Amino acid sequence: MDINMFLIVINFFEIAAAIVGTIYITKYREDHFFRYFVYFLWFSAFVDTVFGWLPTLIHYTEQFSFLKGTIFSNNQWSYNVFDLINFSFYLLFFIHFIDSYKVKKTGVYILIGYITTSLLNLVFSGKFFEAPMIYNLISGTLLLILFIIIYYYRILQSERILDFYKMMPFYVSVGALVFHIIVNPVFIYGEYYNNDKSPEFVQVYRIILTAANIFMYTCYIIGFIVCSRRNKSY
């Protein structure tokens, strides 16, 4: 399977999740963060569709050949920026749904610290256009795991444990947690390999990335459907 097919599959599932999410927030009045989440899904689909396909179009089509040699012929920089936005959004999302003022306040300070240090890393690392920002990926993943664990702990201590499977944040937590735990180590390891050095690794890398995306966006779609049925029952 070539890279184009992998991109098509990923684009299909993320756009499907965004469409289902849009239908959901159109029909039901939910917490405003659900709306932000759906907007974020559309933003993710936009980034993957535009910057995921652009290097391929530049390399293989005459219409985009004038962009050869520019920053658009390599999309690493765009995903370095996206990773920062991605982690910042997910951290803010779970901080919002943790029902403890003290934890929320601490979480906001941690988030500000993460954004500040990650921006500094983007500016001064010297690898912004060339390689994944390892610090941003590792620290973002660890913080995401931390706040999802806190979110689970707070659910266990409340009456919400009886209906946890009917809450959208639960499905977001499962999808995002599994995706980032699986994919980000591969991203970091993949910095040292390319199609010339190890085409086998690149193929496995693409399969893992595609499978993780399918799992994550399927979790989101299931979450919107389950929450939609819950609202209907009300």
C-alpha atoms as a PDB file:
ATOM      1  CA  MET A   1       0.000   0.000   0.000  1.00  0.00           C
ATOM      2  CA  ASP A   2       1.515   3.348  -1.017  1.00  0.00           C
ATOM      3  CA  ILE A   3       1.522   6.548   1.011  1.00  0.00           C
ATOM      4  CA  ASN A   4      -1.437   7.976  -0.918  1.00  0.00           C
ATOM      5  CA  MET A   5      -3.720   5.157   0.223  1.00  0.00           C
ATOM      6  CA  PHE A   6      -2.650   5.655   3.851  1.00  0.00           C
ATOM      7  CA  LEU A   7      -3.458   9.364   3.584  1.00  0.00           C
ATOM      8  CA  ILE A   8      -6.848   8.664   2.003  1.00  0.00           C
ATOM      9  CA  VAL A   9      -7.798   6.267   4.816  1.00  0.00           C
ATOM     10  CA  ILE A  10      -6.720   8.724   7.536  1.00  0.00           C
ATOM     11  CA  ASN A  11      -8.509  11.632   5.851  1.00  0.00           C
ATOM     12  CA  PHE A  12     -11.670   9.557   5.519  1.00  0.00           C
ATOM     13  CA  PHE A  13     -11.880   8.682   9.221  1.00  0.00           C
ATOM     14  CA  GLU A  14     -11.024  12.142  10.537  1.00  0.00           C
ATOM     15  CA  ILE A  15     -13.531  13.841   8.217  1.00  0.00           C
ATOM     16  CA  ALA A  16     -16.152  11.224   9.149  1.00  0.00           C
ATOM     17  CA  ALA A  17     -15.588  11.983  12.857  1.00  0.00           C
ATOM     18  CA  ALA A  18     -15.860  15.724  12.195  1.00  0.00           C
ATOM     19  CA  ILE A  19     -19.106  15.272  10.241  1.00  0.00           C
ATOM     20  CA  VAL A  20     -20.688  13.053  12.916  1.00  0.00           C
ATOM     21  CA  GLY A  21     -19.561  15.550  15.568  1.00  0.00           C
ATOM     22  CA  THR A  22     -21.074  18.443  13.633  1.00  0.00           C
ATOM     23  CA  ILE A  23     -24.402  16.631  13.381  1.00  0.00           C
ATOM     24  CA  TYR A  24     -24.277  15.974  17.119  1.00  0.00           C
ATOM     25  CA  ILE A  25     -23.602  19.551  18.241  1.00  0.00           C
ATOM     26  CA  THR A  26     -26.207  20.820  15.770  1.00  0.00           C
ATOM     27  CA  LYS A  27     -28.914  18.631  17.302  1.00  0.00           C
ATOM     28  CA  TYR A  28     -28.002  18.934  20.982  1.00  0.00           C
ATOM     29  CA  ARG A  29     -26.987  21.758  23.270  1.00  0.00           C
ATOM     30  CA  GLU A  30     -23.927  20.470  25.076  1.00  0.00           C
ATOM     31  CA  ASP A  31     -21.023  21.904  27.014  1.00  0.00           C
ATOM     32  CA  HIS A  32     -19.319  24.511  24.820  1.00  0.00           C
ATOM     33  CA  PHE A  33     -16.113  22.465  24.940  1.00  0.00           C
ATOM     34  CA  PHE A  34     -17.805  19.800  22.814  1.00  0.00           C
ATOM     35  CA  ARG A  35     -18.259  22.451  20.137  1.00  0.00           C
ATOM     36  CA  TYR A  36     -14.596  23.416  20.431  1.00  0.00           C
ATOM     37  CA  PHE A  37     -13.716  19.738  20.145  1.00  0.00           C
ATOM     38  CA  VAL A  38     -15.649  19.397  16.876  1.00  0.00           C
ATOM     39  CA  TYR A  39     -14.015  22.567  15.550  1.00  0.00           C
ATOM     40  CA  PHE A  40     -10.669  21.032  16.473  1.00  0.00           C
ATOM     41  CA  LEU A  41     -11.560  17.874  14.529  1.00  0.00           C
ATOM     42  CA  TRP A  42     -12.216  19.991  11.438  1.00  0.00           C
ATOM     43  CA  PHE A  43      -8.945  21.845  12.002  1.00  0.00           C
ATOM     44  CA  SER A  44      -7.077  18.512  12.260  1.00  0.00           C
ATOM     45  CA  ALA A  45      -8.719  17.302   9.055  1.00  0.00           C
ATOM     46  CA  PHE A  46      -7.704  20.547   7.327  1.00  0.00           C
ATOM     47  CA  VAL A  47      -4.074  20.230   8.423  1.00  0.00           C
ATOM     48  CA  ASP A  48      -3.811  16.580   7.377  1.00  0.00           C
ATOM     49  CA  THR A  49      -5.560  17.178   4.065  1.00  0.00           C
ATOM     50  CA  VAL A  50      -3.569  20.257   3.063  1.00  0.00           C
ATOM     51  CA  PHE A  51      -0.132  19.682   4.559  1.00  0.00           C
ATOM     52  CA  GLY A  52      -0.334  15.898   4.378  1.00  0.00           C
ATOM     53  CA  TRP A  53      -0.888  15.942   0.618  1.00  0.00           C
ATOM     54  CA  LEU A  54       1.126  19.044  -0.338  1.00  0.00           C
ATOM     55  CA  PRO A  55       4.615  17.427  -0.490  1.00  0.00           C
ATOM     56  CA  THR A  56       3.224  14.628  -2.680  1.00  0.00           C
ATOM     57  CA  LEU A  57       1.520  17.102  -5.012  1.00  0.00           C
ATOM     58  CA  ILE A  58       4.668  19.218  -5.234  1.00  0.00           C
ATOM     59  CA  HIS A  59       6.808  16.189  -6.065  1.00  0.00           C
ATOM     60  CA  TYR A  60       4.505  14.476  -8.564  1.00  0.00           C
ATOM     61  CA  THR A  61       2.429  17.199 -10.264  1.00  0.00           C
ATOM     62  CA  GLU A  62       3.426  20.034 -12.561  1.00  0.00           C
ATOM     63  CA  GLN A  63       0.795  22.389 -11.137  1.00  0.00           C
ATOM     64  CA  PHE A  64       2.594  22.508  -7.784  1.00  0.00           C
ATOM     65  CA  SER A  65       6.163  22.027  -9.042  1.00  0.00           C
ATOM     66  CA  PHE A  66       6.898  25.746  -8.589  1.00  0.00           C
ATOM     67  CA  LEU A  67       6.910  25.079  -4.812  1.00  0.00           C
ATOM     68  CA  LYS A  68       9.870  22.693  -5.041  1.00  0.00           C
ATOM     69  CA  GLY A  69      12.699  23.824  -2.803  1.00  0.00           C
ATOM     70  CA  THR A  70      10.371  25.873  -0.586  1.00  0.00           C
ATOM     71  CA  ILE A  71       9.278  25.114   2.987  1.00  0.00           C
ATOM     72  CA  PHE A  72       6.098  23.547   1.574  1.00  0.00           C
ATOM     73  CA  SER A  73       7.999  20.662  -0.036  1.00  0.00           C
ATOM     74  CA  ASN A  74       8.617  19.295   3.484  1.00  0.00           C
ATOM     75  CA  ASN A  75       5.673  19.296   5.878  1.00  0.00           C
ATOM     76  CA  GLN A  76       7.621  18.616   9.087  1.00  0.00           C
ATOM     77  CA  TRP A  77       7.441  22.242  10.227  1.00  0.00           C
ATOM     78  CA  SER A  78       3.656  22.322   9.874  1.00  0.00           C
ATOM     79  CA  TYR A  79       3.280  19.222  12.028  1.00  0.00           C
ATOM     80  CA  ASN A  80       5.661  20.644  14.631  1.00  0.00           C
ATOM     81  CA  VAL A  81       3.290  23.603  14.957  1.00  0.00           C
ATOM     82  CA  PHE A  82       0.264  21.302  14.880  1.00  0.00           C
ATOM     83  CA  ASP A  83       1.685  19.083  17.640  1.00  0.00           C
ATOM     84  CA  LEU A  84       1.915  22.089  19.947  1.00  0.00           C
ATOM     85  CA  ILE A  85      -1.680  23.112  19.172  1.00  0.00           C
ATOM     86  CA  ASN A  86      -2.831  19.499  19.438  1.00  0.00           C
ATOM     87  CA  PHE A  87      -1.386  18.852  22.897  1.00  0.00           C
ATOM     88  CA  SER A  88      -2.434  22.266  24.168  1.00  0.00           C
ATOM     89  CA  PHE A  89      -6.030  21.621  23.136  1.00  0.00           C
ATOM     90  CA  TYR A  90      -6.236  18.119  24.621  1.00  0.00           C
ATOM     91  CA  LEU A  91      -4.653  19.257  27.892  1.00  0.00           C
ATOM     92  CA  LEU A  92      -7.104  22.159  28.145  1.00  0.00           C
ATOM     93  CA  PHE A  93      -9.972  19.806  27.258  1.00  0.00           C
ATOM     94  CA  PHE A  94      -9.260  17.405  30.129  1.00  0.00           C
ATOM     95  CA  ILE A  95      -8.402  20.175  32.578  1.00  0.00           C
ATOM     96  CA  HIS A  96     -11.863  21.588  31.862  1.00  0.00           C
ATOM     97  CA  PHE A  97     -13.608  18.290  32.667  1.00  0.00           C
ATOM     98  CA  ILE A  98     -11.721  17.589  35.902  1.00  0.00           C
ATOM     99  CA  ASP A  99     -14.117  18.567  38.704  1.00  0.00           C
ATOM    100  CA  SER A 100     -11.580  20.049  41.093  1.00  0.00           C
ATOM    101  CA  TYR A 101     -10.873  23.777  41.199  1.00  0.00           C
ATOM    102  CA  LYS A 102      -7.412  23.208  42.693  1.00  0.00           C
ATOM    103  CA  VAL A 103      -6.449  20.732  39.967  1.00  0.00           C
ATOM    104  CA  LYS A 104      -7.892  23.011  37.265  1.00  0.00           C
ATOM    105  CA  LYS A 105      -5.863  25.967  38.529  1.00  0.00           C
ATOM    106  CA  THR A 106      -2.662  23.923  38.750  1.00  0.00           C
ATOM    107  CA  GLY A 107      -3.386  22.434  35.340  1.00  0.00           C
ATOM    108  CA  VAL A 108      -3.685  25.864  33.727  1.00  0.00           C
ATOM    109  CA  TYR A 109      -0.272  26.857  35.110  1.00  0.00           C
ATOM    110  CA  ILE A 110       1.221  23.599  33.839  1.00  0.00           C
ATOM    111  CA  LEU A 111      -0.364  24.180  30.425  1.00  0.00           C
ATOM    112  CA  ILE A 112       1.066  27.710  30.241  1.00  0.00           C
ATOM    113  CA  GLY A 113       4.483  26.303  31.159  1.00  0.00           C
ATOM    114  CA  TYR A 114       4.207  23.621  28.484  1.00  0.00           C
ATOM    115  CA  ILE A 115       3.216  26.122  25.785  1.00  0.00           C
ATOM    116  CA  THR A 116       5.996  28.528  26.764  1.00  0.00           C
ATOM    117  CA  THR A 117       8.777  25.935  26.844  1.00  0.00           C
ATOM    118  CA  SER A 118       7.520  24.266  23.654  1.00  0.00           C
ATOM    119  CA  LEU A 119       7.481  27.588  21.791  1.00  0.00           C
ATOM    120  CA  LEU A 120      11.025  28.268  22.953  1.00  0.00           C
ATOM    121  CA  ASN A 121      12.014  24.811  21.762  1.00  0.00           C
ATOM    122  CA  LEU A 122      10.467  25.467  18.348  1.00  0.00           C
ATOM    123  CA  VAL A 123      12.354  28.734  18.014  1.00  0.00           C
ATOM    124  CA  PHE A 124      15.768  27.749  19.362  1.00  0.00           C
ATOM    125  CA  SER A 125      16.091  24.029  18.605  1.00  0.00           C
ATOM    126  CA  GLY A 126      17.429  24.624  15.113  1.00  0.00           C
ATOM    127  CA  LYS A 127      15.396  21.626  13.854  1.00  0.00           C
ATOM    128  CA  PHE A 128      12.035  23.282  13.306  1.00  0.00           C
ATOM    129  CA  PHE A 129      11.989  22.541   9.558  1.00  0.00           C
ATOM    130  CA  GLU A 130      13.857  19.235   9.701  1.00  0.00           C
ATOM    131  CA  ALA A 131      12.735  16.920  12.499  1.00  0.00           C
ATOM    132  CA  PRO A 132      10.020  16.297  15.095  1.00  0.00           C
ATOM    133  CA  MET A 133      10.358  18.324  18.282  1.00  0.00           C
ATOM    134  CA  ILE A 134      11.191  15.500  20.680  1.00  0.00           C
ATOM    135  CA  TYR A 135      10.793  17.605  23.825  1.00  0.00           C
ATOM    136  CA  ASN A 136       7.347  18.781  22.743  1.00  0.00           C
ATOM    137  CA  LEU A 137       6.229  15.224  21.934  1.00  0.00           C
ATOM    138  CA  ILE A 138       7.539  13.615  25.114  1.00  0.00           C
ATOM    139  CA  SER A 139       6.411  16.321  27.534  1.00  0.00           C
ATOM    140  CA  GLY A 140       3.045  16.681  25.777  1.00  0.00           C
ATOM    141  CA  THR A 141       2.424  12.925  25.888  1.00  0.00           C
ATOM    142  CA  LEU A 142       3.396  12.635  29.565  1.00  0.00           C
ATOM    143  CA  LEU A 143       1.177  15.573  30.550  1.00  0.00           C
ATOM    144  CA  LEU A 144      -1.717  14.154  28.533  1.00  0.00           C
ATOM    145  CA  ILE A 145      -1.356  10.793  30.291  1.00  0.00           C
ATOM    146  CA  LEU A 146      -1.197  12.587  33.663  1.00  0.00           C
ATOM    147  CA  PHE A 147      -4.378  14.598  33.174  1.00  0.00           C
ATOM    148  CA  ILE A 148      -6.312  11.674  31.722  1.00  0.00           C
ATOM    149  CA  ILE A 149      -5.340   9.586  34.762  1.00  0.00           C
ATOM    150  CA  ILE A 150      -6.520  12.424  37.027  1.00  0.00           C
ATOM    151  CA  TYR A 151      -9.762  12.606  35.019  1.00  0.00           C
ATOM    152  CA  TYR A 152     -10.300   8.845  35.520  1.00  0.00           C
ATOM    153  CA  TYR A 153      -9.483   9.131  39.237  1.00  0.00           C
ATOM    154  CA  ARG A 154     -12.020  11.914  39.726  1.00  0.00           C
ATOM    155  CA  ILE A 155     -14.673   9.848  37.930  1.00  0.00           C
ATOM    156  CA  LEU A 156     -13.961   6.885  40.208  1.00  0.00           C
ATOM    157  CA  GLN A 157     -14.530   9.121  43.222  1.00  0.00           C
ATOM    158  CA  SER A 158     -17.884  10.431  41.994  1.00  0.00           C
ATOM    159  CA  GLU A 159     -21.316   9.152  41.029  1.00  0.00           C
ATOM    160  CA  ARG A 160     -20.395   9.612  37.378  1.00  0.00           C
ATOM    161  CA  ILE A 161     -18.726   6.193  37.492  1.00  0.00           C
ATOM    162  CA  LEU A 162     -22.203   4.689  36.938  1.00  0.00           C
ATOM    163  CA  ASP A 163     -22.549   6.415  33.554  1.00  0.00           C
ATOM    164  CA  PHE A 164     -18.945   6.956  32.495  1.00  0.00           C
ATOM    165  CA  TYR A 165     -19.537   5.164  29.187  1.00  0.00           C
ATOM    166  CA  LYS A 166     -22.235   7.701  28.281  1.00  0.00           C
ATOM    167  CA  MET A 167     -19.892  10.710  28.544  1.00  0.00           C
ATOM    168  CA  MET A 168     -18.063  12.058  25.505  1.00  0.00           C
ATOM    169  CA  PRO A 169     -14.848  12.943  27.414  1.00  0.00           C
ATOM    170  CA  PHE A 170     -14.430   9.216  28.181  1.00  0.00           C
ATOM    171  CA  TYR A 171     -14.330   8.333  24.475  1.00  0.00           C
ATOM    172  CA  VAL A 172     -11.999  11.253  23.765  1.00  0.00           C
ATOM    173  CA  SER A 173      -9.699  10.074  26.563  1.00  0.00           C
ATOM    174  CA  VAL A 174      -9.537   6.496  25.247  1.00  0.00           C
ATOM    175  CA  GLY A 175      -8.920   7.545  21.642  1.00  0.00           C
ATOM    176  CA  ALA A 176      -6.372  10.264  22.419  1.00  0.00           C
ATOM    177  CA  LEU A 177      -4.534   8.194  25.046  1.00  0.00           C
ATOM    178  CA  VAL A 178      -4.083   5.109  22.865  1.00  0.00           C
ATOM    179  CA  PHE A 179      -3.156   7.188  19.816  1.00  0.00           C
ATOM    180  CA  HIS A 180      -0.450   9.253  21.501  1.00  0.00           C
ATOM    181  CA  ILE A 181       1.030   6.366  23.493  1.00  0.00           C
ATOM    182  CA  ILE A 182       1.414   4.298  20.326  1.00  0.00           C
ATOM    183  CA  VAL A 183       2.257   6.910  17.708  1.00  0.00           C
ATOM    184  CA  ASN A 184       4.547   9.415  19.417  1.00  0.00           C
ATOM    185  CA  PRO A 185       7.329   6.917  20.284  1.00  0.00           C
ATOM    186  CA  VAL A 186       7.236   5.846  16.619  1.00  0.00           C
ATOM    187  CA  PHE A 187       7.482   9.509  15.558  1.00  0.00           C
ATOM    188  CA  ILE A 188      10.538   9.988  17.761  1.00  0.00           C
ATOM    189  CA  TYR A 189      12.181   6.750  16.619  1.00  0.00           C
ATOM    190  CA  GLY A 190      11.317   7.535  12.999  1.00  0.00           C
ATOM    191  CA  GLU A 191      13.503  10.647  13.087  1.00  0.00           C
ATOM    192  CA  TYR A 192      16.514   8.393  12.492  1.00  0.00           C
ATOM    193  CA  TYR A 193      15.031   6.516   9.542  1.00  0.00           C
ATOM    194  CA  ASN A 194      13.727   7.333   6.092  1.00  0.00           C
ATOM    195  CA  ASN A 195      12.642   5.415   3.029  1.00  0.00           C
ATOM    196  CA  ASP A 196      16.237   5.110   1.778  1.00  0.00           C
ATOM    197  CA  LYS A 197      17.683   3.799   5.044  1.00  0.00           C
ATOM    198  CA  SER A 198      14.871   1.444   6.020  1.00  0.00           C
ATOM    199  CA  PRO A 199      11.842   1.144   3.710  1.00  0.00           C
ATOM    200  CA  GLU A 200      10.549  -1.706   5.917  1.00  0.00           C
ATOM    201  CA  PHE A 201      10.427   0.572   8.968  1.00  0.00           C
ATOM    202  CA  VAL A 202       8.685   3.316   6.967  1.00  0.00           C
ATOM    203  CA  GLN A 203       6.026   0.820   5.840  1.00  0.00           C
ATOM    204  CA  VAL A 204       5.438  -0.387   9.413  1.00  0.00           C
ATOM    205  CA  TYR A 205       5.401   3.237  10.573  1.00  0.00           C
ATOM    206  CA  ARG A 206       2.648   4.073   8.083  1.00  0.00           C
ATOM    207  CA  ILE A 207       0.597   1.033   9.091  1.00  0.00           C
ATOM    208  CA  ILE A 208       0.855   1.924  12.805  1.00  0.00           C
ATOM    209  CA  LEU A 209      -0.035   5.564  12.125  1.00  0.00           C
ATOM    210  CA  THR A 210      -3.044   4.597  10.013  1.00  0.00           C
ATOM    211  CA  ALA A 211      -4.315   1.996  12.491  1.00  0.00           C
ATOM    212  CA  ALA A 212      -3.930   4.437  15.412  1.00  0.00           C
ATOM    213  CA  ASN A 213      -5.855   7.121  13.513  1.00  0.00           C
ATOM    214  CA  ILE A 214      -8.628   4.665  12.661  1.00  0.00           C
ATOM    215  CA  PHE A 215      -8.899   3.632  16.320  1.00  0.00           C
ATOM    216  CA  MET A 216      -8.911   7.203  17.647  1.00  0.00           C
ATOM    217  CA  TYR A 217     -11.480   8.613  15.231  1.00  0.00           C
ATOM    218  CA  THR A 218     -13.649   5.513  15.570  1.00  0.00           C
ATOM    219  CA  CYS A 219     -13.697   6.121  19.339  1.00  0.00           C
ATOM    220  CA  TYR A 220     -14.860   9.682  18.697  1.00  0.00           C
ATOM    221  CA  ILE A 221     -17.587   8.548  16.281  1.00  0.00           C
ATOM    222  CA  ILE A 222     -18.837   5.933  18.768  1.00  0.00           C
ATOM    223  CA  GLY A 223     -18.801   8.561  21.512  1.00  0.00           C
ATOM    224  CA  PHE A 224     -20.968  10.967  19.505  1.00  0.00           C
ATOM    225  CA  ILE A 225     -23.425   8.154  18.664  1.00  0.00           C
ATOM    226  CA  VAL A 226     -23.659   6.945  22.290  1.00  0.00           C
ATOM    227  CA  CYS A 227     -24.135  10.498  23.589  1.00  0.00           C
ATOM    228  CA  SER A 228     -26.756  11.137  20.916  1.00  0.00           C
ATOM    229  CA  ARG A 229     -28.754   8.099  22.076  1.00  0.00           C
ATOM    230  CA  ARG A 230     -28.375   9.256  25.693  1.00  0.00           C
ATOM    231  CA  ASN A 231     -29.850  12.643  24.799  1.00  0.00           C
ATOM    232  CA  LYS A 232     -32.716  11.016  22.947  1.00  0.00           C
ATOM    233  CA  SER A 233     -33.538   8.913  26.010  1.00  0.00           C
ATOM    234  CA  TYR A 234     -33.796  12.104  28.053  1.00  0.00           C
END
